[in-house]
Protein backbone atom coordinates (compact mmCIF):
# COMPACT_ATOMS: atom_id res chain seq x y z
CA UNK A 1 18.61 -7.14 -12.54
CA UNK A 2 21.88 -7.15 -10.40
CA UNK A 3 22.44 -3.50 -11.39
CA UNK A 4 23.65 -1.91 -8.14
CA UNK A 5 21.10 1.00 -8.40
CA UNK A 6 18.24 -1.56 -8.88
CA UNK A 7 19.42 -3.46 -6.00
CA UNK A 8 19.30 -0.31 -3.74
CA UNK A 9 15.76 0.44 -4.94
CA UNK A 10 14.68 -3.15 -4.13
CA UNK A 11 16.33 -3.04 -0.63
CA UNK A 12 14.95 0.49 0.01
CA UNK A 13 11.53 -0.82 -0.55
CA UNK A 14 12.15 -3.90 1.54
CA UNK A 15 13.14 -1.70 4.51
CA UNK A 16 10.31 0.71 4.05
CA UNK A 17 7.78 -2.15 4.06
CA UNK A 18 9.52 -3.54 7.27
CA UNK A 19 9.48 -0.51 9.12
CA UNK A 20 5.54 -0.16 8.57
CA UNK A 21 5.06 -3.94 8.90
CA UNK A 22 6.83 -3.96 12.62
CA UNK A 23 4.49 -0.96 13.73
CA UNK A 24 1.04 -0.88 12.00
CA UNK A 25 -0.09 -4.11 13.25
CA UNK A 26 0.47 -3.30 16.94
CA UNK A 27 -0.91 0.08 16.79
CA UNK A 28 -4.37 -0.81 17.91
CA UNK A 29 -2.99 -2.98 20.83
CA UNK A 30 -0.65 -0.19 21.67
CA UNK A 31 -3.39 2.34 22.24
CA UNK A 32 -5.79 0.06 24.13
CA UNK A 33 -3.22 -2.07 26.20
CA UNK A 34 -0.66 0.52 26.72
CA UNK A 35 -2.26 4.02 26.53
CA UNK A 36 -5.48 2.64 27.97
CA UNK A 37 -7.85 4.17 25.42
CA UNK A 38 -11.50 2.77 24.75
CA UNK A 39 -12.33 1.28 21.24
CA UNK A 40 -13.96 4.51 20.25
CA UNK A 41 -11.08 6.51 20.95
CA UNK A 42 -8.76 4.16 19.18
CA UNK A 43 -11.10 4.35 16.30
CA UNK A 44 -10.96 8.10 16.14
CA UNK A 45 -7.05 7.98 16.52
CA UNK A 46 -6.72 5.72 13.54
CA UNK A 47 -9.11 7.44 11.34
CA UNK A 48 -7.40 10.95 12.07
CA UNK A 49 -4.13 9.12 11.31
CA UNK A 50 -5.20 7.91 8.10
CA UNK A 51 -6.87 11.24 7.00
CA UNK A 52 -3.96 13.31 8.01
CA UNK A 53 -1.66 11.05 5.95
CA UNK A 54 -3.86 11.46 2.86
CA UNK A 55 -3.93 15.16 3.21
CA UNK A 56 -0.17 15.54 3.62
CA UNK A 57 0.66 13.04 1.11
CA UNK A 58 -1.43 14.70 -1.59
CA UNK A 59 0.20 18.05 -0.86
CA UNK A 60 3.57 16.60 -0.91
CA UNK A 61 2.98 14.50 -4.23
CA UNK A 62 1.74 17.76 -6.03
CA UNK A 63 4.76 19.57 -4.98
CA UNK A 64 7.18 16.76 -6.02
CA UNK A 65 5.54 17.14 -9.54
CA UNK A 66 6.34 20.80 -9.31
CA UNK A 67 10.22 20.44 -8.58
CA UNK A 68 10.56 19.29 -4.96
CA UNK A 69 13.52 16.72 -4.78
CA UNK A 70 11.83 13.28 -4.34
CA UNK A 71 14.95 11.97 -2.66
CA UNK A 72 14.81 14.68 -0.10
CA UNK A 73 11.29 14.06 0.57
CA UNK A 74 11.78 10.46 1.36
CA UNK A 75 14.63 11.32 3.54
CA UNK A 76 12.42 13.86 5.45
CA UNK A 77 9.41 11.30 5.62
CA UNK A 78 11.56 8.45 7.05
CA UNK A 79 13.39 10.55 9.50
CA UNK A 80 9.79 11.84 10.65
CA UNK A 81 8.75 8.09 10.93
CA UNK A 82 11.68 7.38 13.23
CA UNK A 83 10.89 10.41 15.19
CA UNK A 84 7.41 9.07 15.74
CA UNK A 85 8.71 5.80 16.76
CA UNK A 86 10.73 7.49 19.39
CA UNK A 87 7.63 9.16 20.78
CA UNK A 88 5.91 5.78 20.76
CA UNK A 89 8.73 4.09 22.64
CA UNK A 90 9.13 6.77 25.37
CA UNK A 91 5.55 7.89 25.95
CA UNK A 92 2.27 6.42 27.15
CA UNK A 93 0.45 9.61 26.81
CA UNK A 94 -2.44 9.86 24.48
CA UNK A 95 -1.71 13.54 23.61
CA UNK A 96 1.88 13.13 22.67
CA UNK A 97 1.08 9.78 20.75
CA UNK A 98 -1.70 11.61 18.76
CA UNK A 99 0.50 14.57 18.09
CA UNK A 100 3.31 12.23 16.64
CA UNK A 101 0.55 10.51 14.51
CA UNK A 102 -0.70 13.68 13.01
CA UNK A 103 2.54 15.77 12.58
CA UNK A 104 5.20 13.08 11.88
CA UNK A 105 3.44 9.76 10.57
CA UNK A 106 1.43 12.00 8.13
CA UNK A 107 4.54 12.97 6.69
CA UNK A 108 6.00 9.51 6.56
CA UNK A 109 2.96 8.66 4.33
CA UNK A 110 4.77 10.19 1.58
CA UNK A 111 7.61 7.68 1.54
CA UNK A 112 5.95 4.85 -0.53
CA UNK A 113 4.42 7.18 -3.25
CA UNK A 114 7.56 9.05 -3.65
CA UNK A 115 10.00 5.90 -3.66
CA UNK A 116 7.83 4.13 -6.16
CA UNK A 117 7.71 7.25 -8.34
CA UNK A 118 11.26 7.31 -8.38
CA UNK A 119 11.45 3.67 -9.30
CA UNK A 120 9.21 4.25 -12.01
CA UNK A 121 11.14 7.24 -13.47
CA UNK A 122 14.53 5.06 -13.07
CA UNK A 123 12.70 2.21 -14.87
CA UNK A 124 11.50 4.47 -17.68
CA UNK A 125 15.11 6.01 -18.24
CA UNK A 126 17.39 3.10 -17.76
CA UNK A 127 15.53 -0.13 -18.24
CA UNK A 128 14.81 -0.58 -21.82
CA UNK A 129 12.91 -3.81 -21.25
CA UNK A 130 11.51 -5.11 -18.19
CA UNK A 131 10.67 -1.69 -16.48
CA UNK A 132 7.36 -3.29 -15.50
CA UNK A 133 9.05 -6.24 -14.08
CA UNK A 134 11.13 -3.92 -11.86
CA UNK A 135 8.38 -2.10 -10.72
CA UNK A 136 6.62 -5.62 -9.71
CA UNK A 137 9.80 -6.47 -7.92
CA UNK A 138 9.73 -3.25 -5.93
CA UNK A 139 6.32 -4.02 -4.81
CA UNK A 140 7.18 -7.72 -4.18
CA UNK A 141 9.78 -6.33 -1.68
CA UNK A 142 6.93 -4.76 0.29
CA UNK A 143 5.34 -8.08 0.19
CA UNK A 144 8.10 -9.92 1.54
CA UNK A 145 8.53 -7.45 4.29
CA UNK A 146 4.67 -8.01 5.29
CA UNK A 147 5.33 -11.99 5.17
CA UNK A 148 8.04 -11.48 7.83
CA UNK A 149 7.36 -8.32 9.70
CA UNK A 150 3.98 -8.87 11.30
CA UNK A 151 4.93 -12.18 12.95
CA UNK A 152 8.29 -10.94 14.33
CA UNK A 153 6.48 -7.78 15.51
CA UNK A 154 3.85 -9.78 17.45
CA UNK A 155 6.69 -12.21 18.90
CA UNK A 156 8.78 -9.17 19.83
CA UNK A 157 5.95 -7.66 21.74
CA UNK A 158 4.88 -10.82 23.16
CA UNK A 159 8.40 -11.53 24.69
CA UNK A 160 9.92 -8.08 25.22
CA UNK A 161 7.08 -5.56 25.07
CA UNK A 162 6.09 -2.83 22.39
CA UNK A 163 9.25 -0.84 22.95
CA UNK A 164 11.31 -3.63 21.26
CA UNK A 165 8.94 -3.96 18.36
CA UNK A 166 8.78 -0.15 17.88
CA UNK A 167 12.66 -0.16 18.11
CA UNK A 168 12.95 -2.81 15.45
CA UNK A 169 10.63 -0.47 13.23
CA UNK A 170 12.87 2.52 13.98
CA UNK A 171 16.04 0.51 13.11
CA UNK A 172 14.29 -0.31 9.52
CA UNK A 173 13.32 3.12 8.80
CA UNK A 174 16.92 4.30 9.54
CA UNK A 175 18.38 1.61 7.43
CA UNK A 176 16.09 2.84 4.56
CA UNK A 177 17.36 6.35 5.23
CA UNK A 178 21.05 5.16 4.82
CA UNK A 179 20.08 3.36 1.52
CA UNK A 180 18.09 5.98 -0.10
CA UNK A 181 21.24 8.56 0.36
CA UNK A 182 22.96 6.26 -2.11
CA UNK A 183 20.44 6.63 -4.70
CA UNK A 184 20.62 8.89 -7.60
CA UNK A 185 18.11 11.94 -7.71
CA UNK A 186 15.68 11.15 -10.52
CA UNK A 187 13.10 13.84 -11.56
CA UNK A 188 10.83 13.90 -14.42
CA UNK A 189 11.66 16.19 -17.39
CA UNK A 190 9.13 17.88 -19.35
CA UNK A 191 9.45 17.90 -23.12
CA UNK A 192 8.75 21.07 -24.79
CA UNK A 193 5.30 19.93 -26.04
CA UNK A 194 4.49 18.95 -22.65
CA UNK A 195 5.49 22.37 -20.99
CA UNK A 196 3.24 24.20 -23.36
CA UNK A 197 0.18 21.99 -22.26
CA UNK A 198 -1.74 23.21 -19.20
CA UNK A 199 -1.97 20.54 -16.75
CA UNK A 200 -5.63 19.97 -15.42
CA UNK A 201 -6.42 18.82 -12.14
CA UNK A 202 -6.64 15.10 -11.48
CA UNK A 203 -10.24 15.70 -10.46
CA UNK A 204 -11.01 16.60 -14.13
CA UNK A 205 -9.21 13.64 -15.43
CA UNK A 206 -12.47 11.39 -15.94
CA UNK A 207 -10.30 7.97 -16.50
CA UNK A 208 -8.39 8.77 -13.09
CA UNK A 209 -11.40 9.53 -11.02
CA UNK A 210 -13.01 6.36 -12.39
CA UNK A 211 -9.82 4.20 -11.67
CA UNK A 212 -9.51 5.89 -8.15
CA UNK A 213 -13.07 4.94 -7.39
CA UNK A 214 -12.28 1.50 -8.45
CA UNK A 215 -9.15 1.15 -6.62
CA UNK A 216 -10.85 2.48 -3.28
CA UNK A 217 -13.65 -0.23 -3.78
CA UNK A 218 -11.27 -3.27 -4.79
CA UNK A 219 -8.84 -2.57 -1.65
CA UNK A 220 -11.98 -1.94 0.63
CA UNK A 221 -13.16 -5.45 -0.22
CA UNK A 222 -9.88 -6.95 0.88
CA UNK A 223 -9.73 -4.85 4.11
CA UNK A 224 -13.41 -6.03 5.04
CA UNK A 225 -12.04 -9.53 4.59
CA UNK A 226 -8.81 -9.01 6.69
CA UNK A 227 -10.88 -7.23 9.58
CA UNK A 228 -13.65 -9.76 9.66
CA UNK A 229 -11.95 -12.99 9.07
CA UNK A 230 -10.42 -13.65 12.59
CA UNK A 231 -14.07 -12.85 14.12
CA UNK A 232 -15.79 -14.86 11.56
CA UNK A 233 -13.61 -17.98 12.40
CA UNK A 234 -14.16 -17.38 16.12
CA UNK A 235 -17.68 -16.32 16.15
CA UNK A 236 -19.54 -18.23 13.44
CA UNK A 237 -17.18 -21.01 12.15
CA UNK A 238 -16.10 -21.95 15.97
CA UNK A 239 -12.44 -22.39 15.08
CA UNK A 240 -9.39 -20.82 16.39
CA UNK A 241 -8.94 -17.08 15.34
CA UNK A 242 -5.16 -17.78 14.93
CA UNK A 243 -5.94 -19.57 11.67
CA UNK A 244 -6.46 -15.87 10.25
CA UNK A 245 -2.74 -15.39 10.57
CA UNK A 246 -1.86 -18.52 8.65
CA UNK A 247 -4.34 -17.38 5.74
CA UNK A 248 -2.81 -13.86 5.59
CA UNK A 249 0.78 -15.25 5.70
CA UNK A 250 -0.01 -17.91 3.04
CA UNK A 251 -1.91 -15.33 0.74
CA UNK A 252 1.20 -13.04 1.04
CA UNK A 253 3.34 -15.96 0.19
CA UNK A 254 1.44 -16.42 -3.18
CA UNK A 255 1.45 -12.78 -3.95
CA UNK A 256 5.24 -12.69 -4.52
CA UNK A 257 5.39 -14.90 -7.57
CA UNK A 258 2.37 -13.62 -9.13
CA UNK A 259 3.61 -9.97 -8.60
CA UNK A 260 6.76 -11.04 -10.75
CA UNK A 261 4.36 -12.69 -13.13
CA UNK A 262 2.23 -9.71 -13.53
CA UNK A 263 5.25 -7.55 -14.20
CA UNK A 264 6.35 -9.81 -16.94
CA UNK A 265 2.92 -10.12 -18.72
CA UNK A 266 1.79 -6.32 -18.13
CA UNK A 267 3.73 -4.94 -21.12
CA UNK A 268 2.55 -7.83 -23.43
CA UNK A 269 -1.10 -8.23 -22.32
CA UNK A 270 -1.94 -4.65 -21.00
CA UNK A 271 -2.15 -3.51 -17.24
CA UNK A 272 -5.81 -2.62 -17.42
CA UNK A 273 -6.73 -6.06 -19.05
CA UNK A 274 -4.75 -7.94 -16.27
CA UNK A 275 -6.33 -6.08 -13.65
CA UNK A 276 -9.74 -7.20 -14.86
CA UNK A 277 -8.53 -10.71 -14.52
CA UNK A 278 -7.40 -9.95 -10.93
CA UNK A 279 -10.75 -8.51 -10.12
CA UNK A 280 -12.14 -12.06 -11.36
CA UNK A 281 -9.99 -13.80 -9.01
CA UNK A 282 -10.98 -11.44 -6.29
CA UNK A 283 -14.61 -12.17 -7.10
CA UNK A 284 -14.07 -15.97 -7.05
CA UNK A 285 -12.34 -15.53 -3.85
CA UNK A 286 -15.13 -13.74 -2.13
CA UNK A 287 -17.59 -16.23 -3.47
CA UNK A 288 -15.55 -19.08 -2.47
CA UNK A 289 -15.87 -17.70 1.22
CA UNK A 290 -19.60 -17.82 1.01
CA UNK A 291 -19.29 -21.54 -0.04
CA UNK A 292 -16.37 -22.70 2.17
CA UNK A 293 -17.08 -24.29 5.51
CA UNK A 294 -13.83 -25.91 6.52
CA UNK A 295 -10.30 -24.59 7.20
CA UNK A 296 -8.87 -26.62 4.42
CA UNK A 297 -11.02 -24.80 1.82
CA UNK A 298 -10.20 -21.35 3.27
CA UNK A 299 -6.45 -22.33 3.01
CA UNK A 300 -7.02 -23.32 -0.89
CA UNK A 301 -8.93 -19.95 -1.37
CA UNK A 302 -5.69 -17.94 -0.33
CA UNK A 303 -4.39 -18.74 -3.88
CA UNK A 304 -7.16 -16.65 -5.14
CA UNK A 305 -6.54 -14.18 -2.71
CA UNK A 306 -2.83 -13.84 -3.41
CA UNK A 307 -3.49 -13.55 -7.17
CA UNK A 308 -5.89 -10.90 -6.54
CA UNK A 309 -3.74 -8.72 -4.22
CA UNK A 310 -0.65 -9.36 -6.43
CA UNK A 311 -2.12 -7.99 -9.49
CA UNK A 312 -4.38 -4.90 -8.31
CA UNK A 313 -1.53 -3.88 -5.98
CA UNK A 314 1.32 -4.10 -8.47
CA UNK A 315 -0.21 -3.21 -11.78
CA UNK A 316 -2.78 -0.74 -10.14
CA UNK A 317 0.04 1.56 -9.39
CA UNK A 318 1.43 1.35 -13.05
CA UNK A 319 -1.93 2.02 -14.39
CA UNK A 320 -2.45 5.09 -12.24
CA UNK A 321 1.15 6.53 -13.49
CA UNK A 322 0.07 5.68 -16.92
CA UNK A 323 -3.19 7.96 -16.62
CA UNK A 324 -1.19 10.83 -15.39
CA UNK A 325 2.03 10.57 -16.99
CA UNK A 326 2.99 14.09 -16.63
CA UNK A 327 2.38 13.97 -12.82
CA UNK A 328 3.59 10.66 -11.83
CA UNK A 329 4.33 11.86 -8.10
CA UNK A 330 0.72 12.97 -7.76
CA UNK A 331 -0.53 9.73 -9.57
CA UNK A 332 1.15 7.44 -7.21
CA UNK A 333 0.14 9.45 -4.00
CA UNK A 334 -3.53 9.37 -5.33
CA UNK A 335 -3.43 5.53 -5.68
CA UNK A 336 -1.70 5.37 -2.38
CA UNK A 337 -4.41 7.47 -1.05
CA UNK A 338 -7.25 5.50 -2.48
CA UNK A 339 -5.90 2.59 -0.58
CA UNK A 340 -5.98 4.41 2.72
CA UNK A 341 -9.40 5.63 1.91
CA UNK A 342 -10.33 1.96 1.29
CA UNK A 343 -9.21 1.23 5.01
CA UNK A 344 -11.87 3.82 6.43
CA UNK A 345 -14.47 2.35 4.02
CA UNK A 346 -13.69 -1.16 5.19
CA UNK A 347 -13.68 -0.51 8.93
CA UNK A 348 -16.88 1.40 8.71
CA UNK A 349 -18.77 -1.34 6.69
CA UNK A 350 -17.49 -4.22 8.78
CA UNK A 351 -18.70 -2.51 11.93
CA UNK A 352 -22.18 -1.85 10.29
CA UNK A 353 -22.76 -5.07 8.70
CA UNK A 354 -21.51 -7.21 11.68
CA UNK A 355 -23.72 -5.00 14.06
CA UNK A 356 -27.00 -5.53 12.12
CA UNK A 357 -26.61 -8.80 10.20
CA UNK A 358 -23.44 -10.97 10.57
CA UNK A 359 -19.90 -11.58 9.78
CA UNK A 360 -20.76 -13.96 7.03
CA UNK A 361 -22.80 -11.37 5.48
CA UNK A 362 -19.78 -9.18 4.99
CA UNK A 363 -18.50 -11.66 2.29
CA UNK A 364 -21.68 -10.84 0.18
CA UNK A 365 -20.79 -7.21 0.37
CA UNK A 366 -17.23 -7.91 -0.66
CA UNK A 367 -18.55 -9.72 -3.91
CA UNK A 368 -20.83 -6.77 -4.65
CA UNK A 369 -18.12 -4.28 -4.08
CA UNK A 370 -15.87 -6.10 -6.49
CA UNK A 371 -18.38 -6.33 -9.08
CA UNK A 372 -18.73 -2.38 -9.01
CA UNK A 373 -15.00 -2.04 -9.01
CA UNK A 374 -14.74 -4.26 -11.93
CA UNK A 375 -17.57 -2.14 -13.66
CA UNK A 376 -15.57 1.11 -13.03
CA UNK A 377 -12.54 -0.24 -14.27
CA UNK A 378 -13.95 -1.34 -17.58
CA UNK A 379 -15.11 2.36 -18.03
CA UNK A 380 -11.47 3.44 -17.69
CA UNK A 381 -10.00 4.66 -21.03
CA UNK A 382 -6.20 4.43 -21.11
CA UNK A 383 -4.05 7.32 -22.48
CA UNK A 384 -1.72 6.63 -25.55
CA UNK A 385 1.87 5.87 -24.89
CA UNK A 386 4.21 9.02 -23.74
CA UNK A 387 7.63 9.27 -24.61
CA UNK A 388 10.46 8.71 -21.99
CA UNK A 389 10.40 11.34 -19.36
CA UNK A 390 13.11 10.66 -16.74
CA UNK A 391 16.71 12.24 -16.77
CA UNK A 392 19.15 12.29 -14.00
CA UNK A 393 19.67 15.64 -12.11
CA UNK A 394 22.68 15.01 -9.99
CA UNK A 395 25.13 12.30 -9.07
CA UNK A 396 24.44 9.28 -6.94
CA UNK A 397 25.88 11.21 -3.98
CA UNK A 398 23.49 11.68 -0.79
């Protein structure tokens, strides 16, 4: 795993995750504290940002499968992200910030789907054994970034202000640009029998549709937990909300080894089968939240949380790619889009349930949602294996 190209992929995903981890946890505070928006305007801003990213990423994902250079897409996406950070640094005007979110951050949303698609194509081509492990390590790079990124972002904001935090995000994005320029251009190559096959739209691919619905639900459950746990601790358990940060950090710490383990076991046991196991851990986690009444118990439950997120985040992407082997760029984009949709579902559900019931009641919804996600996943029929589909198209030059 010490091959230079593999190290470049792993480093690129780390800095990409770090760039996002320095910015996204602070966006809501930036809008309210710096720009002076109301909570309603903040919600509309974030919703518009997510929706625009879904639309633009889906379009770019389709074009990448039709021949657009993935490496070029990633470079443009990260430069767009860096420009958005410059806007956030130098303006406190809502209109400019909104324009940056819609026009620039929406393009940057293509980064992760495309870098993971390139990684999968590279693994299929060059890694005879351990391709699944390589993809798991790439995903673990994101997890590591999110272990260190948010705490550093809040420290930078607390001591130096938003501009320093956004500057760190900008630097991370530019470092990824420099790294990606060293990667080889890798595109999928259709075989003769594939080119004769008319590709149907993903919405006509029943297994893919079922899987995307399952993905949106399984990630919405974890988003509901993340959004509600600080308020649940403060309002209903009467303990410090700062414990939520420790819970999230501990869960992310557990994710890393289990992502590697999932990558090792995936080819042997099957990605779908392991995802069923992961959803079992997720269901146990949310049931545990209903039963736990102390910080110690909640800390212990983060082990189940870490296993749950590690498996669904890592193997979920691989399963999505396997369900659309001839359109991996679109498959990865759709998987990423389903996660973004889960943010909208989670935010809306938390608001409604907490408004009319309680924060504790949200955990009942999480249990129900994971069970429905499990049922949908069981209905997914996997495609038979497809031959190797990646070849290099140019030298490793930028």
